N, C-alpha and C. Protein backbone atom coordinates (compact mmCIF):
# COMPACT_ATOMS: atom_id res chain seq x y z
N UNK A 1 3.52 22.41 20.03
CA UNK A 1 4.97 22.38 20.11
C UNK A 1 5.59 22.97 18.85
N UNK A 2 6.79 23.41 18.98
CA UNK A 2 7.53 24.04 17.88
C UNK A 2 8.06 22.96 16.92
N UNK A 3 7.86 23.15 15.60
CA UNK A 3 8.38 22.16 14.64
C UNK A 3 9.91 22.11 14.65
N UNK A 4 10.45 20.92 14.35
CA UNK A 4 11.89 20.74 14.28
C UNK A 4 12.36 20.83 12.84
N UNK A 5 13.56 21.36 12.65
CA UNK A 5 14.15 21.39 11.32
C UNK A 5 15.11 20.22 11.21
N UNK A 6 14.84 19.38 10.19
CA UNK A 6 15.67 18.19 9.98
C UNK A 6 16.22 18.20 8.57
N UNK A 7 17.34 17.55 8.40
CA UNK A 7 17.98 17.37 7.11
C UNK A 7 17.74 15.92 6.69
N UNK A 8 17.06 15.73 5.56
CA UNK A 8 16.70 14.39 5.12
C UNK A 8 17.90 13.66 4.53
N UNK A 9 18.11 12.42 4.96
CA UNK A 9 19.19 11.58 4.44
C UNK A 9 18.69 10.67 3.32
N UNK A 10 17.40 10.53 3.18
CA UNK A 10 16.78 9.69 2.15
C UNK A 10 15.58 10.45 1.56
N UNK A 11 15.16 10.05 0.36
CA UNK A 11 13.93 10.59 -0.21
C UNK A 11 12.75 10.02 0.56
N UNK A 12 11.84 10.87 0.97
CA UNK A 12 10.65 10.43 1.69
C UNK A 12 9.44 11.01 0.98
N UNK A 13 8.55 10.12 0.55
CA UNK A 13 7.36 10.54 -0.18
C UNK A 13 6.54 11.50 0.66
N UNK A 14 6.02 12.52 0.04
CA UNK A 14 5.16 13.54 0.63
C UNK A 14 5.86 14.39 1.69
N UNK A 15 7.21 14.26 1.78
CA UNK A 15 7.93 15.09 2.73
C UNK A 15 9.05 15.86 2.04
N UNK A 16 9.91 15.15 1.32
CA UNK A 16 10.99 15.86 0.64
C UNK A 16 12.03 14.92 0.08
N UNK A 17 12.96 15.51 -0.67
CA UNK A 17 14.03 14.75 -1.31
C UNK A 17 15.26 14.74 -0.41
N UNK A 18 16.13 13.83 -0.68
CA UNK A 18 17.38 13.70 0.05
C UNK A 18 18.14 15.03 0.01
N UNK A 19 18.64 15.46 1.15
CA UNK A 19 19.42 16.68 1.23
C UNK A 19 18.60 17.93 1.51
N UNK A 20 17.29 17.82 1.51
CA UNK A 20 16.48 19.01 1.77
C UNK A 20 16.22 19.17 3.27
N UNK A 21 16.02 20.40 3.65
CA UNK A 21 15.72 20.71 5.05
C UNK A 21 14.21 20.87 5.17
N UNK A 22 13.63 20.12 6.10
CA UNK A 22 12.17 20.13 6.27
C UNK A 22 11.83 20.45 7.72
N UNK A 23 10.63 20.95 7.90
CA UNK A 23 10.11 21.22 9.25
C UNK A 23 9.03 20.18 9.54
N UNK A 24 9.22 19.44 10.63
CA UNK A 24 8.27 18.40 11.01
C UNK A 24 7.92 18.53 12.48
N UNK A 25 6.85 17.87 12.84
CA UNK A 25 6.44 17.85 14.25
C UNK A 25 7.43 17.02 15.06
N UNK A 26 7.62 17.38 16.31
CA UNK A 26 8.62 16.68 17.14
C UNK A 26 8.36 15.18 17.27
N UNK A 27 7.10 14.78 17.37
CA UNK A 27 6.79 13.36 17.52
C UNK A 27 7.17 12.56 16.29
N UNK A 28 6.92 13.09 15.11
CA UNK A 28 7.28 12.42 13.86
C UNK A 28 8.79 12.28 13.76
N UNK A 29 9.50 13.33 14.15
CA UNK A 29 10.97 13.29 14.13
C UNK A 29 11.49 12.28 15.15
N UNK A 30 10.99 12.37 16.37
CA UNK A 30 11.49 11.55 17.47
C UNK A 30 11.14 10.07 17.31
N UNK A 31 9.94 9.77 16.80
CA UNK A 31 9.46 8.39 16.75
C UNK A 31 9.74 7.68 15.43
N UNK A 32 9.96 8.42 14.35
CA UNK A 32 10.11 7.75 13.06
C UNK A 32 11.39 8.16 12.32
N UNK A 33 11.54 9.44 12.03
CA UNK A 33 12.64 9.89 11.17
C UNK A 33 14.02 9.67 11.79
N UNK A 34 14.21 10.11 13.01
CA UNK A 34 15.53 9.99 13.65
C UNK A 34 15.91 8.55 13.99
N UNK A 35 15.02 7.75 14.61
CA UNK A 35 15.43 6.37 14.95
C UNK A 35 15.69 5.50 13.72
N UNK A 36 15.02 5.77 12.61
CA UNK A 36 15.22 4.97 11.40
C UNK A 36 16.35 5.49 10.52
N UNK A 37 17.02 6.53 10.97
CA UNK A 37 18.16 7.06 10.23
C UNK A 37 17.77 7.76 8.94
N UNK A 38 16.55 8.23 8.83
CA UNK A 38 16.08 8.89 7.62
C UNK A 38 16.40 10.38 7.62
N UNK A 39 16.72 10.93 8.79
CA UNK A 39 17.00 12.36 8.89
C UNK A 39 17.93 12.61 10.07
N UNK A 40 18.56 13.78 10.03
CA UNK A 40 19.39 14.24 11.14
C UNK A 40 19.02 15.68 11.43
N UNK A 41 19.39 16.15 12.59
CA UNK A 41 19.11 17.53 12.96
C UNK A 41 19.87 18.45 12.00
N UNK A 42 19.19 19.48 11.51
CA UNK A 42 19.80 20.39 10.53
C UNK A 42 20.71 21.38 11.23
N UNK A 43 22.00 21.06 11.28
CA UNK A 43 23.00 22.00 11.79
C UNK A 43 24.12 22.10 10.75
N UNK A 44 25.03 23.01 10.95
CA UNK A 44 26.09 23.27 9.96
C UNK A 44 26.95 22.04 9.69
N UNK A 45 27.28 21.31 10.73
CA UNK A 45 28.13 20.13 10.58
C UNK A 45 27.45 19.05 9.73
N UNK A 46 26.18 18.77 10.03
CA UNK A 46 25.46 17.75 9.27
C UNK A 46 25.24 18.17 7.82
N UNK A 47 25.03 19.45 7.58
CA UNK A 47 24.87 19.94 6.21
C UNK A 47 26.16 19.73 5.42
N UNK A 48 27.32 20.01 6.05
CA UNK A 48 28.62 19.82 5.39
C UNK A 48 28.84 18.35 5.05
N UNK A 49 28.53 17.47 6.00
CA UNK A 49 28.70 16.03 5.77
C UNK A 49 27.83 15.56 4.61
N UNK A 50 26.58 16.03 4.59
CA UNK A 50 25.67 15.60 3.53
C UNK A 50 26.10 16.16 2.17
N UNK A 51 26.62 17.38 2.13
CA UNK A 51 27.10 17.96 0.87
C UNK A 51 28.28 17.16 0.33
N UNK A 52 29.19 16.75 1.21
CA UNK A 52 30.33 15.93 0.79
C UNK A 52 29.85 14.60 0.24
N UNK A 53 28.86 14.01 0.88
CA UNK A 53 28.31 12.74 0.41
C UNK A 53 27.61 12.91 -0.94
N UNK A 54 26.93 14.04 -1.12
CA UNK A 54 26.27 14.32 -2.41
C UNK A 54 27.30 14.40 -3.53
N UNK A 55 28.43 15.06 -3.27
CA UNK A 55 29.48 15.17 -4.29
C UNK A 55 30.04 13.80 -4.62
N UNK A 56 30.25 12.97 -3.61
CA UNK A 56 30.77 11.63 -3.82
C UNK A 56 29.79 10.79 -4.63
N UNK A 57 28.52 10.87 -4.29
CA UNK A 57 27.50 10.11 -5.01
C UNK A 57 27.34 10.60 -6.45
N UNK A 58 27.48 11.91 -6.67
CA UNK A 58 27.38 12.46 -8.02
C UNK A 58 28.53 11.94 -8.88
N UNK A 59 29.73 11.88 -8.32
CA UNK A 59 30.89 11.34 -9.05
C UNK A 59 30.70 9.87 -9.36
N UNK A 60 30.19 9.13 -8.39
CA UNK A 60 29.94 7.70 -8.58
C UNK A 60 28.87 7.49 -9.65
N UNK A 61 27.82 8.29 -9.63
CA UNK A 61 26.75 8.21 -10.62
C UNK A 61 27.28 8.51 -12.03
N UNK A 62 28.19 9.45 -12.12
CA UNK A 62 28.80 9.81 -13.40
C UNK A 62 29.58 8.63 -13.97
N UNK A 63 30.33 7.93 -13.13
CA UNK A 63 31.09 6.76 -13.57
C UNK A 63 30.15 5.64 -14.02
N UNK A 64 29.08 5.44 -13.28
CA UNK A 64 28.12 4.39 -13.62
C UNK A 64 27.47 4.70 -14.97
N UNK A 65 27.09 5.96 -15.19
CA UNK A 65 26.48 6.36 -16.46
C UNK A 65 27.44 6.14 -17.62
N UNK A 66 28.70 6.46 -17.43
CA UNK A 66 29.66 6.29 -18.52
C UNK A 66 29.85 4.81 -18.85
N UNK A 67 29.87 3.94 -17.85
CA UNK A 67 30.01 2.51 -18.13
C UNK A 67 28.76 1.97 -18.82
N UNK A 68 27.58 2.45 -18.42
CA UNK A 68 26.36 2.04 -19.10
C UNK A 68 26.30 2.62 -20.51
N UNK A 69 26.89 3.80 -20.72
CA UNK A 69 26.95 4.38 -22.05
C UNK A 69 27.76 3.52 -23.00
N UNK A 70 28.88 2.98 -22.51
CA UNK A 70 29.71 2.08 -23.32
C UNK A 70 28.95 0.80 -23.63
N UNK A 71 28.24 0.27 -22.65
CA UNK A 71 27.45 -0.93 -22.86
C UNK A 71 26.34 -0.68 -23.88
N UNK A 72 25.75 0.51 -23.84
CA UNK A 72 24.70 0.87 -24.79
C UNK A 72 25.25 0.88 -26.21
N UNK A 73 26.46 1.41 -26.40
CA UNK A 73 27.07 1.42 -27.72
C UNK A 73 27.28 0.01 -28.23
N UNK A 74 27.73 -0.89 -27.36
CA UNK A 74 27.93 -2.29 -27.75
C UNK A 74 26.61 -2.93 -28.14
N UNK A 75 25.55 -2.67 -27.37
CA UNK A 75 24.24 -3.26 -27.67
C UNK A 75 23.67 -2.72 -28.97
N UNK A 76 23.96 -1.46 -29.29
CA UNK A 76 23.44 -0.88 -30.52
C UNK A 76 24.14 -1.45 -31.76
N UNK A 77 25.35 -1.97 -31.58
CA UNK A 77 26.09 -2.54 -32.70
C UNK A 77 25.72 -3.98 -33.00
N UNK A 78 25.00 -4.63 -32.11
CA UNK A 78 24.65 -6.03 -32.34
C UNK A 78 23.15 -6.19 -32.51
N UNK A 79 22.77 -7.37 -32.96
CA UNK A 79 21.36 -7.72 -33.00
C UNK A 79 21.27 -9.20 -32.62
N UNK A 80 20.11 -9.62 -32.21
CA UNK A 80 19.93 -11.02 -31.86
C UNK A 80 18.82 -11.59 -32.71
N UNK A 81 18.84 -12.89 -32.86
CA UNK A 81 17.77 -13.54 -33.63
C UNK A 81 17.10 -14.59 -32.75
N UNK A 82 15.81 -14.69 -32.94
CA UNK A 82 15.01 -15.65 -32.20
C UNK A 82 14.29 -16.51 -33.22
N UNK A 83 14.45 -17.81 -33.08
CA UNK A 83 13.77 -18.74 -33.98
C UNK A 83 12.44 -19.15 -33.35
N UNK A 84 11.39 -19.10 -34.16
CA UNK A 84 10.06 -19.49 -33.69
C UNK A 84 9.33 -20.16 -34.84
N UNK A 85 8.50 -21.11 -34.53
CA UNK A 85 7.73 -21.79 -35.57
C UNK A 85 6.67 -20.84 -36.11
N UNK A 86 6.52 -20.86 -37.43
CA UNK A 86 5.55 -19.97 -38.08
C UNK A 86 4.90 -20.69 -39.25
N UNK A 87 3.75 -20.19 -39.69
CA UNK A 87 3.09 -20.77 -40.86
C UNK A 87 3.68 -20.14 -42.13
N UNK A 88 3.09 -20.46 -43.29
CA UNK A 88 3.61 -19.97 -44.56
C UNK A 88 3.54 -18.45 -44.69
N UNK A 89 2.57 -17.82 -44.04
CA UNK A 89 2.42 -16.36 -44.11
C UNK A 89 3.35 -15.63 -43.14
N UNK A 90 4.08 -16.37 -42.31
CA UNK A 90 4.99 -15.74 -41.35
C UNK A 90 4.37 -15.47 -40.00
N UNK A 91 3.13 -15.91 -39.78
CA UNK A 91 2.47 -15.73 -38.48
C UNK A 91 2.97 -16.83 -37.54
N UNK A 92 3.41 -16.41 -36.37
CA UNK A 92 3.99 -17.36 -35.41
C UNK A 92 2.94 -18.22 -34.74
N UNK A 93 3.33 -19.45 -34.41
CA UNK A 93 2.50 -20.32 -33.58
C UNK A 93 2.85 -19.98 -32.13
N UNK A 94 2.25 -18.96 -31.61
CA UNK A 94 2.58 -18.44 -30.29
C UNK A 94 3.06 -17.01 -30.45
N UNK A 95 3.93 -16.57 -29.57
CA UNK A 95 4.44 -15.20 -29.67
C UNK A 95 5.82 -15.13 -29.04
N UNK A 96 6.51 -14.03 -29.31
CA UNK A 96 7.83 -13.78 -28.74
C UNK A 96 7.65 -12.74 -27.63
N UNK A 97 8.08 -13.09 -26.43
CA UNK A 97 7.90 -12.22 -25.27
C UNK A 97 9.20 -11.49 -24.94
N UNK A 98 9.10 -10.53 -24.03
CA UNK A 98 10.28 -9.81 -23.57
C UNK A 98 11.27 -10.76 -22.90
N UNK A 99 10.77 -11.78 -22.21
CA UNK A 99 11.65 -12.75 -21.56
C UNK A 99 12.48 -13.51 -22.60
N UNK A 100 11.87 -13.85 -23.72
CA UNK A 100 12.60 -14.54 -24.78
C UNK A 100 13.66 -13.63 -25.39
N UNK A 101 13.34 -12.36 -25.54
CA UNK A 101 14.30 -11.40 -26.09
C UNK A 101 15.47 -11.23 -25.11
N UNK A 102 15.17 -11.11 -23.82
CA UNK A 102 16.21 -10.97 -22.80
C UNK A 102 17.11 -12.19 -22.79
N UNK A 103 16.53 -13.36 -22.92
CA UNK A 103 17.31 -14.60 -22.95
C UNK A 103 18.25 -14.63 -24.15
N UNK A 104 17.77 -14.14 -25.30
CA UNK A 104 18.61 -14.10 -26.50
C UNK A 104 19.81 -13.17 -26.29
N UNK A 105 19.59 -12.02 -25.67
CA UNK A 105 20.70 -11.10 -25.40
C UNK A 105 21.64 -11.69 -24.34
N UNK A 106 21.09 -12.40 -23.37
CA UNK A 106 21.93 -13.04 -22.34
C UNK A 106 22.84 -14.09 -22.96
N UNK A 107 22.33 -14.81 -23.96
CA UNK A 107 23.15 -15.81 -24.65
C UNK A 107 24.30 -15.17 -25.41
N UNK A 108 24.13 -13.90 -25.81
CA UNK A 108 25.20 -13.17 -26.49
C UNK A 108 26.21 -12.57 -25.51
N UNK A 109 25.95 -12.71 -24.21
CA UNK A 109 26.89 -12.24 -23.21
C UNK A 109 26.52 -10.93 -22.55
N UNK A 110 25.31 -10.44 -22.77
CA UNK A 110 24.87 -9.19 -22.16
C UNK A 110 23.84 -9.52 -21.08
N UNK A 111 24.01 -8.91 -19.92
CA UNK A 111 23.07 -9.15 -18.82
C UNK A 111 21.89 -8.20 -18.97
N UNK A 112 20.77 -8.73 -19.48
CA UNK A 112 19.58 -7.94 -19.75
C UNK A 112 18.40 -8.62 -19.08
N UNK A 113 17.57 -7.84 -18.39
CA UNK A 113 16.36 -8.38 -17.77
C UNK A 113 15.16 -8.07 -18.66
N UNK A 114 14.16 -8.92 -18.60
CA UNK A 114 12.95 -8.74 -19.41
C UNK A 114 12.24 -7.43 -19.06
N UNK A 115 12.32 -7.01 -17.82
CA UNK A 115 11.64 -5.78 -17.40
C UNK A 115 12.31 -4.53 -17.98
N UNK A 116 13.54 -4.68 -18.48
CA UNK A 116 14.27 -3.54 -19.05
C UNK A 116 14.04 -3.39 -20.55
N UNK A 117 13.30 -4.31 -21.15
CA UNK A 117 13.12 -4.32 -22.60
C UNK A 117 11.74 -3.77 -22.96
N UNK A 118 11.71 -3.02 -24.05
CA UNK A 118 10.45 -2.48 -24.56
C UNK A 118 10.56 -2.40 -26.07
N UNK A 119 9.49 -2.73 -26.76
CA UNK A 119 9.48 -2.58 -28.22
C UNK A 119 9.35 -1.12 -28.57
N UNK A 120 10.05 -0.71 -29.62
CA UNK A 120 9.94 0.69 -30.03
C UNK A 120 8.51 1.00 -30.47
N UNK A 121 7.90 0.06 -31.18
CA UNK A 121 6.50 0.18 -31.57
C UNK A 121 5.69 -0.65 -30.59
N UNK A 122 5.21 -0.01 -29.52
CA UNK A 122 4.56 -0.72 -28.42
C UNK A 122 3.28 -1.44 -28.84
N UNK A 123 2.68 -1.00 -29.95
CA UNK A 123 1.43 -1.62 -30.39
C UNK A 123 1.66 -3.03 -30.95
N UNK A 124 2.90 -3.39 -31.22
CA UNK A 124 3.20 -4.68 -31.84
C UNK A 124 3.53 -5.75 -30.81
N UNK A 125 3.45 -5.44 -29.52
CA UNK A 125 3.75 -6.44 -28.50
C UNK A 125 2.50 -7.19 -28.10
N UNK A 126 2.52 -8.45 -27.90
CA UNK A 126 3.63 -9.36 -28.12
C UNK A 126 3.87 -9.58 -29.61
N UNK A 127 5.08 -9.98 -29.95
CA UNK A 127 5.45 -10.20 -31.35
C UNK A 127 4.79 -11.48 -31.83
N UNK A 128 3.98 -11.37 -32.88
CA UNK A 128 3.25 -12.53 -33.39
C UNK A 128 3.57 -12.83 -34.84
N UNK A 129 4.52 -12.08 -35.42
CA UNK A 129 4.92 -12.31 -36.81
C UNK A 129 6.43 -12.26 -36.91
N UNK A 130 6.96 -12.94 -37.91
CA UNK A 130 8.38 -12.88 -38.17
C UNK A 130 8.75 -11.50 -38.70
N UNK A 131 10.00 -11.12 -38.54
CA UNK A 131 10.46 -9.84 -39.06
C UNK A 131 11.56 -9.26 -38.19
N UNK A 132 11.87 -7.99 -38.46
CA UNK A 132 12.90 -7.27 -37.72
C UNK A 132 12.21 -6.24 -36.83
N UNK A 133 12.55 -6.25 -35.55
CA UNK A 133 11.91 -5.36 -34.59
C UNK A 133 12.97 -4.55 -33.85
N UNK A 134 12.71 -3.28 -33.67
CA UNK A 134 13.59 -2.42 -32.87
C UNK A 134 13.15 -2.51 -31.41
N UNK A 135 14.12 -2.76 -30.55
CA UNK A 135 13.84 -2.83 -29.11
C UNK A 135 14.65 -1.78 -28.38
N UNK A 136 14.07 -1.26 -27.33
CA UNK A 136 14.76 -0.32 -26.45
C UNK A 136 15.11 -1.06 -25.16
N UNK A 137 16.37 -0.98 -24.78
CA UNK A 137 16.83 -1.66 -23.57
C UNK A 137 17.24 -0.58 -22.58
N UNK A 138 16.52 -0.49 -21.49
CA UNK A 138 16.79 0.54 -20.47
C UNK A 138 17.86 0.00 -19.52
N UNK A 139 19.05 0.57 -19.64
CA UNK A 139 20.17 0.13 -18.82
C UNK A 139 20.27 0.91 -17.51
N UNK A 140 19.83 2.15 -17.55
CA UNK A 140 19.93 3.07 -16.41
C UNK A 140 18.81 4.07 -16.58
N UNK A 141 18.52 4.84 -15.57
CA UNK A 141 17.43 5.80 -15.67
C UNK A 141 17.65 6.80 -16.80
N UNK A 142 18.92 7.08 -17.16
CA UNK A 142 19.23 8.04 -18.22
C UNK A 142 19.85 7.41 -19.46
N UNK A 143 20.07 6.10 -19.47
CA UNK A 143 20.76 5.45 -20.59
C UNK A 143 19.88 4.35 -21.17
N UNK A 144 19.58 4.50 -22.46
CA UNK A 144 18.77 3.51 -23.16
C UNK A 144 19.50 3.11 -24.44
N UNK A 145 19.54 1.82 -24.72
CA UNK A 145 20.16 1.32 -25.94
C UNK A 145 19.08 0.87 -26.91
N UNK A 146 19.32 1.09 -28.19
CA UNK A 146 18.38 0.66 -29.21
C UNK A 146 19.05 -0.45 -30.01
N UNK A 147 18.40 -1.59 -30.08
CA UNK A 147 18.96 -2.73 -30.79
C UNK A 147 17.88 -3.37 -31.65
N UNK A 148 18.28 -4.37 -32.42
CA UNK A 148 17.35 -5.05 -33.31
C UNK A 148 17.20 -6.51 -32.90
N UNK A 149 15.99 -7.01 -33.09
CA UNK A 149 15.69 -8.42 -32.86
C UNK A 149 15.11 -8.97 -34.15
N UNK A 150 15.71 -10.04 -34.62
CA UNK A 150 15.23 -10.71 -35.83
C UNK A 150 14.42 -11.92 -35.38
N UNK A 151 13.17 -11.97 -35.78
CA UNK A 151 12.32 -13.14 -35.50
C UNK A 151 12.23 -13.91 -36.80
N UNK A 152 12.82 -15.10 -36.80
CA UNK A 152 12.90 -15.90 -38.03
C UNK A 152 12.17 -17.22 -37.83
N UNK A 153 11.74 -17.78 -38.96
CA UNK A 153 11.03 -19.05 -38.95
C UNK A 153 11.99 -20.16 -38.60
N UNK A 154 11.60 -20.99 -37.66
CA UNK A 154 12.44 -22.10 -37.20
C UNK A 154 12.39 -23.20 -38.25
N UNK A 155 13.54 -23.56 -38.75
CA UNK A 155 13.62 -24.61 -39.75
C UNK A 155 13.70 -25.95 -39.03
N UNK A 156 12.80 -26.84 -39.40
CA UNK A 156 12.81 -28.16 -38.78
C UNK A 156 13.79 -29.05 -39.53
N UNK A 157 14.51 -29.82 -38.77
CA UNK A 157 15.50 -30.74 -39.39
C UNK A 157 14.76 -31.91 -40.02
N UNK A 158 14.98 -32.08 -41.31
CA UNK A 158 14.34 -33.19 -42.02
C UNK A 158 15.37 -34.29 -42.16
N UNK A 159 15.04 -35.47 -41.66
CA UNK A 159 15.95 -36.59 -41.73
C UNK A 159 15.34 -37.74 -42.44
């Protein structure tokens, strides 16, 4: 049978990216791509609709990047501190994880997930000593903020 030309509405692995025109077998188009709304028949009208949607999404993406850019500037201007018990040499009894760092930033009013945090010096993770550490916070695929985390010795209250 003759392959069909379809316009992809979503990115599909091993087939193509959103907005591209691909040639597929009729059964694949009829049984999977078309019923699941992943593609439409490639005609002039559908191409125009998809181009308009691409422009709208590009504008929306631009606004999202600018808002994340402002948030990145705010994060770069602040630092957080984490108190942890340590011995006299500054070695921690335990370690500081990305979850603890995310929690410290959340307490400062920033919504940060542990999966978005990475130490600038990856060889030092997990943090096992007191000191100042540079962290990279991935806010968006193109926007990363660099901030500092202070790991300080927890002072016990003596009464």
